[in-house]
Amino acid sequence: MRIIFIATLGLTLGLGVTTAEAKHHNNIKTVTGCVEGTPGHYELSAVTKKGKHHEYELVGDRDFSAQVGHKVQARGAVAKGSMKVSSLKDLGTSCR
């Protein structure tokens, strides 16, 4: 009986962790768009496949000034209109 209880408890805790991780990963996105902004405040302006416009405030430990006016592919955690960038790929100067 004790073994069944421990196994059930472990399974329940394991599912809780899995659910929390899945919820966190749902906020990770890859977005392609154009970087706009001024020193200290940068945004990624993107259009979805359905034509809807989105803007994300870019946050993180990097300097985005070199990408202003460039098309980029950014990956990071998205929450409340901002993206904490974990990786950034410069796709060129095709935004102007």
PDB file of N, CA and C in Angstrom:
ATOM      1  N   MET A   1       0.826  -1.191   0.000  1.00  0.00           N
ATOM      2  CA  MET A   1       0.000   0.000   0.000  1.00  0.00           C
ATOM      3  C   MET A   1       0.872   1.257   0.000  1.00  0.00           C
ATOM      4  N   ARG A   2       1.930   1.234   0.811  1.00  0.00           N
ATOM      5  CA  ARG A   2       2.819   2.390   0.901  1.00  0.00           C
ATOM      6  C   ARG A   2       3.520   2.655  -0.435  1.00  0.00           C
ATOM      7  N   ILE A   3       3.901   1.596  -1.122  1.00  0.00           N
ATOM      8  CA  ILE A   3       4.578   1.739  -2.405  1.00  0.00           C
ATOM      9  C   ILE A   3       3.636   2.379  -3.424  1.00  0.00           C
ATOM     10  N   ILE A   4       2.370   1.984  -3.417  1.00  0.00           N
ATOM     11  CA  ILE A   4       1.395   2.559  -4.346  1.00  0.00           C
ATOM     12  C   ILE A   4       1.228   4.047  -4.072  1.00  0.00           C
ATOM     13  N   PHE A   5       1.152   4.432  -2.789  1.00  0.00           N
ATOM     14  CA  PHE A   5       1.006   5.835  -2.411  1.00  0.00           C
ATOM     15  C   PHE A   5       2.207   6.646  -2.882  1.00  0.00           C
ATOM     16  N   ILE A   6       3.395   6.130  -2.661  1.00  0.00           N
ATOM     17  CA  ILE A   6       4.617   6.841  -3.064  1.00  0.00           C
ATOM     18  C   ILE A   6       4.676   6.960  -4.590  1.00  0.00           C
ATOM     19  N   ALA A   7       4.322   5.903  -5.292  1.00  0.00           N
ATOM     20  CA  ALA A   7       4.329   5.950  -6.749  1.00  0.00           C
ATOM     21  C   ALA A   7       3.307   6.956  -7.267  1.00  0.00           C
ATOM     22  N   THR A   8       2.126   6.969  -6.667  1.00  0.00           N
ATOM     23  CA  THR A   8       1.086   7.916  -7.068  1.00  0.00           C
ATOM     24  C   THR A   8       1.522   9.338  -6.793  1.00  0.00           C
ATOM     25  N   LEU A   9       2.125   9.576  -5.633  1.00  0.00           N
ATOM     26  CA  LEU A   9       2.618  10.905  -5.279  1.00  0.00           C
ATOM     27  C   LEU A   9       3.691  11.355  -6.262  1.00  0.00           C
ATOM     28  N   GLY A  10       4.612  10.477  -6.595  1.00  0.00           N
ATOM     29  CA  GLY A  10       5.668  10.806  -7.546  1.00  0.00           C
ATOM     30  C   GLY A  10       5.111  11.128  -8.925  1.00  0.00           C
ATOM     31  N   LEU A  11       4.133  10.348  -9.366  1.00  0.00           N
ATOM     32  CA  LEU A  11       3.507  10.602 -10.658  1.00  0.00           C
ATOM     33  C   LEU A  11       2.785  11.938 -10.666  1.00  0.00           C
ATOM     34  N   THR A  12       2.084  12.241  -9.593  1.00  0.00           N
ATOM     35  CA  THR A  12       1.369  13.510  -9.480  1.00  0.00           C
ATOM     36  C   THR A  12       2.342  14.681  -9.514  1.00  0.00           C
ATOM     37  N   LEU A  13       3.422  14.593  -8.748  1.00  0.00           N
ATOM     38  CA  LEU A  13       4.414  15.667  -8.743  1.00  0.00           C
ATOM     39  C   LEU A  13       5.082  15.788 -10.105  1.00  0.00           C
ATOM     40  N   GLY A  14       5.353  14.667 -10.745  1.00  0.00           N
ATOM     41  CA  GLY A  14       5.966  14.678 -12.064  1.00  0.00           C
ATOM     42  C   GLY A  14       5.079  15.345 -13.094  1.00  0.00           C
ATOM     43  N   LEU A  15       3.778  15.069 -13.053  1.00  0.00           N
ATOM     44  CA  LEU A  15       2.845  15.711 -13.973  1.00  0.00           C
ATOM     45  C   LEU A  15       2.756  17.203 -13.714  1.00  0.00           C
ATOM     46  N   GLY A  16       2.835  17.605 -12.453  1.00  0.00           N
ATOM     47  CA  GLY A  16       2.813  19.034 -12.110  1.00  0.00           C
ATOM     48  C   GLY A  16       3.998  19.761 -12.695  1.00  0.00           C
ATOM     49  N   VAL A  17       5.157  19.161 -12.631  1.00  0.00           N
ATOM     50  CA  VAL A  17       6.358  19.775 -13.201  1.00  0.00           C
ATOM     51  C   VAL A  17       6.235  19.845 -14.718  1.00  0.00           C
ATOM     52  N   THR A  18       5.746  18.770 -15.323  1.00  0.00           N
ATOM     53  CA  THR A  18       5.585  18.750 -16.771  1.00  0.00           C
ATOM     54  C   THR A  18       4.620  19.834 -17.229  1.00  0.00           C
ATOM     55  N   THR A  19       3.509  19.997 -16.523  1.00  0.00           N
ATOM     56  CA  THR A  19       2.536  21.020 -16.874  1.00  0.00           C
ATOM     57  C   THR A  19       3.146  22.410 -16.748  1.00  0.00           C
ATOM     58  N   ALA A  20       3.896  22.666 -15.678  1.00  0.00           N
ATOM     59  CA  ALA A  20       4.535  23.971 -15.481  1.00  0.00           C
ATOM     60  C   ALA A  20       5.549  24.245 -16.586  1.00  0.00           C
ATOM     61  N   GLU A  21       6.323  23.226 -16.964  1.00  0.00           N
ATOM     62  CA  GLU A  21       7.302  23.416 -18.028  1.00  0.00           C
ATOM     63  C   GLU A  21       6.609  23.692 -19.351  1.00  0.00           C
ATOM     64  N   ALA A  22       5.538  22.971 -19.636  1.00  0.00           N
ATOM     65  CA  ALA A  22       4.808  23.183 -20.881  1.00  0.00           C
ATOM     66  C   ALA A  22       4.238  24.594 -20.928  1.00  0.00           C
ATOM     67  N   LYS A  23       3.735  25.067 -19.822  1.00  0.00           N
ATOM     68  CA  LYS A  23       3.185  26.420 -19.761  1.00  0.00           C
ATOM     69  C   LYS A  23       4.288  27.438 -20.051  1.00  0.00           C
ATOM     70  N   HIS A  24       5.474  27.238 -19.483  1.00  0.00           N
ATOM     71  CA  HIS A  24       6.599  28.150 -19.699  1.00  0.00           C
ATOM     72  C   HIS A  24       7.019  28.137 -21.174  1.00  0.00           C
ATOM     73  N   HIS A  25       7.092  26.958 -21.777  1.00  0.00           N
ATOM     74  CA  HIS A  25       7.550  26.864 -23.161  1.00  0.00           C
ATOM     75  C   HIS A  25       6.544  27.452 -24.143  1.00  0.00           C
ATOM     76  N   ASN A  26       5.278  27.544 -23.756  1.00  0.00           N
ATOM     77  CA  ASN A  26       4.294  28.160 -24.643  1.00  0.00           C
ATOM     78  C   ASN A  26       4.598  29.639 -24.845  1.00  0.00           C
ATOM     79  N   ASN A  27       5.342  30.263 -23.944  1.00  0.00           N
ATOM     80  CA  ASN A  27       5.672  31.674 -24.046  1.00  0.00           C
ATOM     81  C   ASN A  27       6.933  31.919 -24.855  1.00  0.00           C
ATOM     82  N   ILE A  28       7.606  30.875 -25.283  1.00  0.00           N
ATOM     83  CA  ILE A  28       8.814  31.017 -26.101  1.00  0.00           C
ATOM     84  C   ILE A  28       8.374  31.084 -27.556  1.00  0.00           C
ATOM     85  N   LYS A  29       8.775  32.169 -28.234  1.00  0.00           N
ATOM     86  CA  LYS A  29       8.384  32.346 -29.633  1.00  0.00           C
ATOM     87  C   LYS A  29       9.588  32.733 -30.476  1.00  0.00           C
ATOM     88  N   THR A  30       9.479  32.436 -31.746  1.00  0.00           N
ATOM     89  CA  THR A  30      10.418  32.930 -32.741  1.00  0.00           C
ATOM     90  C   THR A  30       9.631  33.872 -33.633  1.00  0.00           C
ATOM     91  N   VAL A  31      10.099  35.116 -33.729  1.00  0.00           N
ATOM     92  CA  VAL A  31       9.376  36.155 -34.473  1.00  0.00           C
ATOM     93  C   VAL A  31      10.330  36.794 -35.474  1.00  0.00           C
ATOM     94  N   THR A  32       9.858  36.951 -36.700  1.00  0.00           N
ATOM     95  CA  THR A  32      10.622  37.645 -37.728  1.00  0.00           C
ATOM     96  C   THR A  32       9.975  39.002 -37.963  1.00  0.00           C
ATOM     97  N   GLY A  33      10.795  40.044 -37.916  1.00  0.00           N
ATOM     98  CA  GLY A  33      10.276  41.387 -38.113  1.00  0.00           C
ATOM     99  C   GLY A  33      11.395  42.403 -38.191  1.00  0.00           C
ATOM    100  N   CYS A  34      11.014  43.663 -38.037  1.00  0.00           N
ATOM    101  CA  CYS A  34      11.971  44.764 -38.159  1.00  0.00           C
ATOM    102  C   CYS A  34      12.210  45.418 -36.808  1.00  0.00           C
ATOM    103  N   VAL A  35      13.470  45.738 -36.545  1.00  0.00           N
ATOM    104  CA  VAL A  35      13.833  46.404 -35.297  1.00  0.00           C
ATOM    105  C   VAL A  35      13.741  47.910 -35.496  1.00  0.00           C
ATOM    106  N   GLU A  36      13.059  48.555 -34.558  1.00  0.00           N
ATOM    107  CA  GLU A  36      12.913  50.010 -34.557  1.00  0.00           C
ATOM    108  C   GLU A  36      13.272  50.504 -33.171  1.00  0.00           C
ATOM    109  N   GLY A  37      13.613  51.788 -33.071  1.00  0.00           N
ATOM    110  CA  GLY A  37      13.812  52.340 -31.739  1.00  0.00           C
ATOM    111  C   GLY A  37      14.944  53.333 -31.632  1.00  0.00           C
ATOM    112  N   THR A  38      15.169  53.717 -30.398  1.00  0.00           N
ATOM    113  CA  THR A  38      16.214  54.662 -30.027  1.00  0.00           C
ATOM    114  C   THR A  38      17.009  54.053 -28.882  1.00  0.00           C
ATOM    115  N   PRO A  39      18.197  54.579 -28.595  1.00  0.00           N
ATOM    116  CA  PRO A  39      19.011  54.006 -27.526  1.00  0.00           C
ATOM    117  C   PRO A  39      18.211  53.811 -26.226  1.00  0.00           C
ATOM    118  N   GLY A  40      18.238  52.573 -25.751  1.00  0.00           N
ATOM    119  CA  GLY A  40      17.551  52.239 -24.506  1.00  0.00           C
ATOM    120  C   GLY A  40      16.120  51.752 -24.685  1.00  0.00           C
ATOM    121  N   HIS A  41      15.551  51.901 -25.893  1.00  0.00           N
ATOM    122  CA  HIS A  41      14.181  51.444 -26.133  1.00  0.00           C
ATOM    123  C   HIS A  41      14.061  50.929 -27.572  1.00  0.00           C
ATOM    124  N   TYR A  42      13.980  49.620 -27.701  1.00  0.00           N
ATOM    125  CA  TYR A  42      13.912  48.998 -29.018  1.00  0.00           C
ATOM    126  C   TYR A  42      12.676  48.117 -29.106  1.00  0.00           C
ATOM    127  N   GLU A  43      12.094  48.060 -30.296  1.00  0.00           N
ATOM    128  CA  GLU A  43      10.911  47.251 -30.535  1.00  0.00           C
ATOM    129  C   GLU A  43      11.100  46.402 -31.780  1.00  0.00           C
ATOM    130  N   LEU A  44      10.436  45.263 -31.766  1.00  0.00           N
ATOM    131  CA  LEU A  44      10.388  44.399 -32.928  1.00  0.00           C
ATOM    132  C   LEU A  44       8.986  44.504 -33.492  1.00  0.00           C
ATOM    133  N   SER A  45       8.882  44.978 -34.714  1.00  0.00           N
ATOM    134  CA  SER A  45       7.599  45.144 -35.390  1.00  0.00           C
ATOM    135  C   SER A  45       7.439  43.981 -36.364  1.00  0.00           C
ATOM    136  N   ALA A  46       6.346  43.230 -36.205  1.00  0.00           N
ATOM    137  CA  ALA A  46       6.158  42.045 -37.033  1.00  0.00           C
ATOM    138  C   ALA A  46       4.710  41.944 -37.510  1.00  0.00           C
ATOM    139  N   VAL A  47       4.525  41.246 -38.607  1.00  0.00           N
ATOM    140  CA  VAL A  47       3.190  40.984 -39.156  1.00  0.00           C
ATOM    141  C   VAL A  47       3.034  39.470 -39.232  1.00  0.00           C
ATOM    142  N   THR A  48       1.928  38.966 -38.676  1.00  0.00           N
ATOM    143  CA  THR A  48       1.677  37.526 -38.687  1.00  0.00           C
ATOM    144  C   THR A  48       1.281  37.060 -40.077  1.00  0.00           C
ATOM    145  N   LYS A  49       1.207  35.758 -40.271  1.00  0.00           N
ATOM    146  CA  LYS A  49       0.801  35.193 -41.559  1.00  0.00           C
ATOM    147  C   LYS A  49      -0.621  35.614 -41.928  1.00  0.00           C
ATOM    148  N   LYS A  50      -1.433  35.927 -40.917  1.00  0.00           N
ATOM    149  CA  LYS A  50      -2.808  36.360 -41.148  1.00  0.00           C
ATOM    150  C   LYS A  50      -2.913  37.874 -41.328  1.00  0.00           C
ATOM    151  N   GLY A  51      -1.771  38.579 -41.326  1.00  0.00           N
ATOM    152  CA  GLY A  51      -1.756  40.009 -41.570  1.00  0.00           C
ATOM    153  C   GLY A  51      -1.945  40.878 -40.334  1.00  0.00           C
ATOM    154  N   LYS A  52      -1.921  40.278 -39.155  1.00  0.00           N
ATOM    155  CA  LYS A  52      -2.085  41.042 -37.917  1.00  0.00           C
ATOM    156  C   LYS A  52      -0.740  41.621 -37.480  1.00  0.00           C
ATOM    157  N   HIS A  53      -0.744  42.897 -37.098  1.00  0.00           N
ATOM    158  CA  HIS A  53       0.476  43.596 -36.696  1.00  0.00           C
ATOM    159  C   HIS A  53       0.737  43.401 -35.203  1.00  0.00           C
ATOM    160  N   HIS A  54       1.980  43.084 -34.847  1.00  0.00           N
ATOM    161  CA  HIS A  54       2.400  42.945 -33.452  1.00  0.00           C
ATOM    162  C   HIS A  54       3.677  43.745 -33.229  1.00  0.00           C
ATOM    163  N   GLU A  55       3.785  44.338 -32.052  1.00  0.00           N
ATOM    164  CA  GLU A  55       5.028  44.988 -31.645  1.00  0.00           C
ATOM    165  C   GLU A  55       5.442  44.414 -30.304  1.00  0.00           C
ATOM    166  N   TYR A  56       6.716  44.109 -30.187  1.00  0.00           N
ATOM    167  CA  TYR A  56       7.280  43.566 -28.955  1.00  0.00           C
ATOM    168  C   TYR A  56       8.406  44.484 -28.500  1.00  0.00           C
ATOM    169  N   GLU A  57       8.376  44.905 -27.255  1.00  0.00           N
ATOM    170  CA  GLU A  57       9.505  45.637 -26.693  1.00  0.00           C
ATOM    171  C   GLU A  57      10.620  44.623 -26.497  1.00  0.00           C
ATOM    172  N   LEU A  58      11.797  44.925 -27.028  1.00  0.00           N
ATOM    173  CA  LEU A  58      12.934  44.013 -26.904  1.00  0.00           C
ATOM    174  C   LEU A  58      13.681  44.285 -25.605  1.00  0.00           C
ATOM    175  N   VAL A  59      13.835  43.261 -24.807  1.00  0.00           N
ATOM    176  CA  VAL A  59      14.568  43.379 -23.551  1.00  0.00           C
ATOM    177  C   VAL A  59      15.618  42.281 -23.497  1.00  0.00           C
ATOM    178  N   GLY A  60      16.641  42.540 -22.727  1.00  0.00           N
ATOM    179  CA  GLY A  60      17.717  41.563 -22.589  1.00  0.00           C
ATOM    180  C   GLY A  60      19.034  42.265 -22.348  1.00  0.00           C
ATOM    181  N   ASP A  61      20.077  41.474 -22.287  1.00  0.00           N
ATOM    182  CA  ASP A  61      21.410  41.993 -21.977  1.00  0.00           C
ATOM    183  C   ASP A  61      22.181  42.459 -23.203  1.00  0.00           C
ATOM    184  N   ARG A  62      21.569  42.451 -24.348  1.00  0.00           N
ATOM    185  CA  ARG A  62      22.298  42.836 -25.558  1.00  0.00           C
ATOM    186  C   ARG A  62      21.926  44.245 -26.004  1.00  0.00           C
ATOM    187  N   ASP A  63      22.771  44.804 -26.835  1.00  0.00           N
ATOM    188  CA  ASP A  63      22.537  46.122 -27.423  1.00  0.00           C
ATOM    189  C   ASP A  63      21.922  45.894 -28.806  1.00  0.00           C
ATOM    190  N   PHE A  64      20.708  46.387 -29.009  1.00  0.00           N
ATOM    191  CA  PHE A  64      19.998  46.171 -30.260  1.00  0.00           C
ATOM    192  C   PHE A  64      20.232  47.292 -31.278  1.00  0.00           C
ATOM    193  N   SER A  65      21.065  48.269 -30.945  1.00  0.00           N
ATOM    194  CA  SER A  65      21.241  49.436 -31.813  1.00  0.00           C
ATOM    195  C   SER A  65      21.756  49.073 -33.211  1.00  0.00           C
ATOM    196  N   ALA A  66      22.589  48.068 -33.324  1.00  0.00           N
ATOM    197  CA  ALA A  66      23.139  47.679 -34.631  1.00  0.00           C
ATOM    198  C   ALA A  66      22.075  47.067 -35.548  1.00  0.00           C
ATOM    199  N   GLN A  67      20.969  46.623 -34.980  1.00  0.00           N
ATOM    200  CA  GLN A  67      19.917  45.997 -35.774  1.00  0.00           C
ATOM    201  C   GLN A  67      18.781  46.951 -36.158  1.00  0.00           C
ATOM    202  N   VAL A  68      18.833  48.213 -35.721  1.00  0.00           N
ATOM    203  CA  VAL A  68      17.768  49.166 -36.066  1.00  0.00           C
ATOM    204  C   VAL A  68      17.691  49.293 -37.588  1.00  0.00           C
ATOM    205  N   GLY A  69      16.482  49.107 -38.125  1.00  0.00           N
ATOM    206  CA  GLY A  69      16.278  49.154 -39.567  1.00  0.00           C
ATOM    207  C   GLY A  69      16.512  47.823 -40.260  1.00  0.00           C
ATOM    208  N   HIS A  70      16.923  46.816 -39.506  1.00  0.00           N
ATOM    209  CA  HIS A  70      17.204  45.508 -40.078  1.00  0.00           C
ATOM    210  C   HIS A  70      16.046  44.549 -39.839  1.00  0.00           C
ATOM    211  N   LYS A  71      15.901  43.623 -40.764  1.00  0.00           N
ATOM    212  CA  LYS A  71      14.980  42.509 -40.573  1.00  0.00           C
ATOM    213  C   LYS A  71      15.732  41.459 -39.762  1.00  0.00           C
ATOM    214  N   VAL A  72      15.101  40.954 -38.682  1.00  0.00           N
ATOM    215  CA  VAL A  72      15.745  39.981 -37.807  1.00  0.00           C
ATOM    216  C   VAL A  72      14.789  38.834 -37.505  1.00  0.00           C
ATOM    217  N   GLN A  73      15.379  37.774 -37.028  1.00  0.00           N
ATOM    218  CA  GLN A  73      14.606  36.663 -36.478  1.00  0.00           C
ATOM    219  C   GLN A  73      15.013  36.574 -35.009  1.00  0.00           C
ATOM    220  N   ALA A  74      14.066  36.887 -34.125  1.00  0.00           N
ATOM    221  CA  ALA A  74      14.348  36.896 -32.687  1.00  0.00           C
ATOM    222  C   ALA A  74      13.625  35.739 -32.025  1.00  0.00           C
ATOM    223  N   ARG A  75      14.269  35.142 -31.062  1.00  0.00           N
ATOM    224  CA  ARG A  75      13.669  34.053 -30.276  1.00  0.00           C
ATOM    225  C   ARG A  75      13.796  34.425 -28.815  1.00  0.00           C
ATOM    226  N   GLY A  76      12.692  34.233 -28.083  1.00  0.00           N
ATOM    227  CA  GLY A  76      12.738  34.535 -26.666  1.00  0.00           C
ATOM    228  C   GLY A  76      11.392  34.365 -25.987  1.00  0.00           C
ATOM    229  N   ALA A  77      11.382  34.665 -24.700  1.00  0.00           N
ATOM    230  CA  ALA A  77      10.177  34.555 -23.890  1.00  0.00           C
ATOM    231  C   ALA A  77       9.327  35.805 -24.081  1.00  0.00           C
ATOM    232  N   VAL A  78       8.060  35.605 -24.428  1.00  0.00           N
ATOM    233  CA  VAL A  78       7.137  36.705 -24.676  1.00  0.00           C
ATOM    234  C   VAL A  78       6.146  36.806 -23.527  1.00  0.00           C
ATOM    235  N   ALA A  79       6.003  38.029 -23.001  1.00  0.00           N
ATOM    236  CA  ALA A  79       5.025  38.289 -21.936  1.00  0.00           C
ATOM    237  C   ALA A  79       4.638  39.754 -21.959  1.00  0.00           C
ATOM    238  N   LYS A  80       3.353  40.018 -21.978  1.00  0.00           N
ATOM    239  CA  LYS A  80       2.810  41.371 -21.874  1.00  0.00           C
ATOM    240  C   LYS A  80       3.448  42.363 -22.846  1.00  0.00           C
ATOM    241  N   GLY A  81       3.559  41.988 -24.097  1.00  0.00           N
ATOM    242  CA  GLY A  81       4.051  42.900 -25.114  1.00  0.00           C
ATOM    243  C   GLY A  81       5.561  43.074 -25.170  1.00  0.00           C
ATOM    244  N   SER A  82       6.295  42.267 -24.421  1.00  0.00           N
ATOM    245  CA  SER A  82       7.750  42.359 -24.492  1.00  0.00           C
ATOM    246  C   SER A  82       8.340  40.988 -24.797  1.00  0.00           C
ATOM    247  N   MET A  83       9.548  40.997 -25.326  1.00  0.00           N
ATOM    248  CA  MET A  83      10.258  39.761 -25.619  1.00  0.00           C
ATOM    249  C   MET A  83      11.638  39.825 -25.003  1.00  0.00           C
ATOM    250  N   LYS A  84      11.932  38.878 -24.119  1.00  0.00           N
ATOM    251  CA  LYS A  84      13.276  38.757 -23.563  1.00  0.00           C
ATOM    252  C   LYS A  84      14.056  37.892 -24.544  1.00  0.00           C
ATOM    253  N   VAL A  85      14.911  38.515 -25.296  1.00  0.00           N
ATOM    254  CA  VAL A  85      15.587  37.869 -26.418  1.00  0.00           C
ATOM    255  C   VAL A  85      16.674  36.925 -25.929  1.00  0.00           C
ATOM    256  N   SER A  86      16.586  35.672 -26.393  1.00  0.00           N
ATOM    257  CA  SER A  86      17.637  34.698 -26.083  1.00  0.00           C
ATOM    258  C   SER A  86      18.556  34.489 -27.277  1.00  0.00           C
ATOM    259  N   SER A  87      18.024  34.686 -28.505  1.00  0.00           N
ATOM    260  CA  SER A  87      18.884  34.628 -29.690  1.00  0.00           C
ATOM    261  C   SER A  87      18.337  35.574 -30.749  1.00  0.00           C
ATOM    262  N   LEU A  88      19.239  36.091 -31.551  1.00  0.00           N
ATOM    263  CA  LEU A  88      18.862  37.068 -32.562  1.00  0.00           C
ATOM    264  C   LEU A  88      19.688  36.807 -33.825  1.00  0.00           C
ATOM    265  N   LYS A  89      19.004  36.670 -34.945  1.00  0.00           N
ATOM    266  CA  LYS A  89      19.682  36.445 -36.233  1.00  0.00           C
ATOM    267  C   LYS A  89      19.338  37.632 -37.143  1.00  0.00           C
ATOM    268  N   ASP A  90      20.360  38.348 -37.579  1.00  0.00           N
ATOM    269  CA  ASP A  90      20.182  39.484 -38.465  1.00  0.00           C
ATOM    270  C   ASP A  90      19.974  38.958 -39.881  1.00  0.00           C
ATOM    271  N   LEU A  91      18.842  39.344 -40.498  1.00  0.00           N
ATOM    272  CA  LEU A  91      18.512  38.880 -41.845  1.00  0.00           C
ATOM    273  C   LEU A  91      18.774  39.929 -42.910  1.00  0.00           C
ATOM    274  N   GLY A  92      19.324  41.088 -42.520  1.00  0.00           N
ATOM    275  CA  GLY A  92      19.682  42.102 -43.509  1.00  0.00           C
ATOM    276  C   GLY A  92      18.979  43.427 -43.292  1.00  0.00           C
ATOM    277  N   THR A  93      19.208  44.333 -44.200  1.00  0.00           N
ATOM    278  CA  THR A  93      18.690  45.698 -44.074  1.00  0.00           C
ATOM    279  C   THR A  93      17.464  45.932 -44.931  1.00  0.00           C
ATOM    280  N   SER A  94      16.596  44.954 -45.058  1.00  0.00           N
ATOM    281  CA  SER A  94      15.464  45.047 -45.975  1.00  0.00           C
ATOM    282  C   SER A  94      14.243  45.744 -45.382  1.00  0.00           C
ATOM    283  N   CYS A  95      14.320  46.348 -44.220  1.00  0.00           N
ATOM    284  CA  CYS A  95      13.154  46.972 -43.588  1.00  0.00           C
ATOM    285  C   CYS A  95      12.914  48.411 -44.034  1.00  0.00           C
ATOM    286  N   ARG A  96      13.869  49.061 -44.586  1.00  0.00           N
ATOM    287  CA  ARG A  96      13.703  50.489 -44.939  1.00  0.00           C
ATOM    288  C   ARG A  96      13.265  50.648 -46.367  1.00  0.00           C
TER     289      ARG A  96
END
